[in-house]
Amino acid sequence: NMNDFYVMNNEKNKKAREIKQDLELAYYRKLYDLKVKNVKKYSKNREGV
């Protein structure tokens, strides 16, 4: 049945999209954390000067 296939495929795509969004969120959060760490490290170095 073509309809069943479409519904199944749609579910799969929805899952894939959600996973992709989670991955992107995790990636940007990681980038943000790194940036914050670098800024803290940098300002600590500046204070030492």
C-alpha atoms as a PDB file:
ATOM      1  CA  ASN A   1       0.000   0.000   0.000  1.00  0.00           C
ATOM      2  CA  MET A   2       1.483   3.313  -1.118  1.00  0.00           C
ATOM      3  CA  ASN A   3      -0.219   5.180   1.708  1.00  0.00           C
ATOM      4  CA  ASP A   4       1.353   3.043   4.426  1.00  0.00           C
ATOM      5  CA  PHE A   5       4.723   3.580   2.844  1.00  0.00           C
ATOM      6  CA  TYR A   6       4.171   7.330   2.786  1.00  0.00           C
ATOM      7  CA  VAL A   7       3.141   7.412   6.443  1.00  0.00           C
ATOM      8  CA  MET A   8       6.098   5.268   7.471  1.00  0.00           C
ATOM      9  CA  ASN A   9       8.479   7.415   5.475  1.00  0.00           C
ATOM     10  CA  ASN A  10       7.005  10.551   6.977  1.00  0.00           C
ATOM     11  CA  GLU A  11       7.553   9.223  10.491  1.00  0.00           C
ATOM     12  CA  LYS A  12      11.122   8.323   9.618  1.00  0.00           C
ATOM     13  CA  ASN A  13      11.773  11.781   8.200  1.00  0.00           C
ATOM     14  CA  LYS A  14      10.297  13.403  11.287  1.00  0.00           C
ATOM     15  CA  LYS A  15      12.605  11.359  13.500  1.00  0.00           C
ATOM     16  CA  ALA A  16      15.585  12.212  11.317  1.00  0.00           C
ATOM     17  CA  ARG A  17      14.740  15.915  11.499  1.00  0.00           C
ATOM     18  CA  GLU A  18      14.431  15.791  15.271  1.00  0.00           C
ATOM     19  CA  ILE A  19      17.756  13.993  15.571  1.00  0.00           C
ATOM     20  CA  LYS A  20      19.357  16.540  13.274  1.00  0.00           C
ATOM     21  CA  GLN A  21      17.993  19.407  15.371  1.00  0.00           C
ATOM     22  CA  ASP A  22      19.292  17.784  18.554  1.00  0.00           C
ATOM     23  CA  LEU A  23      22.710  17.361  16.991  1.00  0.00           C
ATOM     24  CA  GLU A  24      22.801  20.954  15.808  1.00  0.00           C
ATOM     25  CA  LEU A  25      21.737  22.196  19.230  1.00  0.00           C
ATOM     26  CA  ALA A  26      24.423  20.109  20.906  1.00  0.00           C
ATOM     27  CA  TYR A  27      26.992  21.384  18.412  1.00  0.00           C
ATOM     28  CA  TYR A  28      26.136  25.043  18.942  1.00  0.00           C
ATOM     29  CA  ARG A  29      26.049  24.576  22.705  1.00  0.00           C
ATOM     30  CA  LYS A  30      29.523  23.063  22.532  1.00  0.00           C
ATOM     31  CA  LEU A  31      30.788  25.950  20.414  1.00  0.00           C
ATOM     32  CA  TYR A  32      29.265  28.411  22.854  1.00  0.00           C
ATOM     33  CA  ASP A  33      30.866  26.665  25.830  1.00  0.00           C
ATOM     34  CA  LEU A  34      34.246  26.734  24.109  1.00  0.00           C
ATOM     35  CA  LYS A  35      33.854  30.417  23.362  1.00  0.00           C
ATOM     36  CA  VAL A  36      32.937  31.193  26.963  1.00  0.00           C
ATOM     37  CA  LYS A  37      35.886  29.174  28.236  1.00  0.00           C
ATOM     38  CA  ASN A  38      38.247  30.964  25.874  1.00  0.00           C
ATOM     39  CA  VAL A  39      36.920  34.354  26.929  1.00  0.00           C
ATOM     40  CA  LYS A  40      37.378  33.488  30.595  1.00  0.00           C
ATOM     41  CA  LYS A  41      40.876  32.185  29.927  1.00  0.00           C
ATOM     42  CA  TYR A  42      41.694  35.292  27.927  1.00  0.00           C
ATOM     43  CA  SER A  43      40.433  37.724  30.549  1.00  0.00           C
ATOM     44  CA  LYS A  44      42.303  35.806  33.246  1.00  0.00           C
ATOM     45  CA  ASN A  45      45.496  36.194  31.241  1.00  0.00           C
ATOM     46  CA  ARG A  46      44.842  39.899  30.812  1.00  0.00           C
ATOM     47  CA  GLU A  47      44.438  40.380  34.565  1.00  0.00           C
ATOM     48  CA  GLY A  48      47.764  38.640  35.140  1.00  0.00           C
ATOM     49  CA  VAL A  49      49.565  41.153  32.933  1.00  0.00           C
END
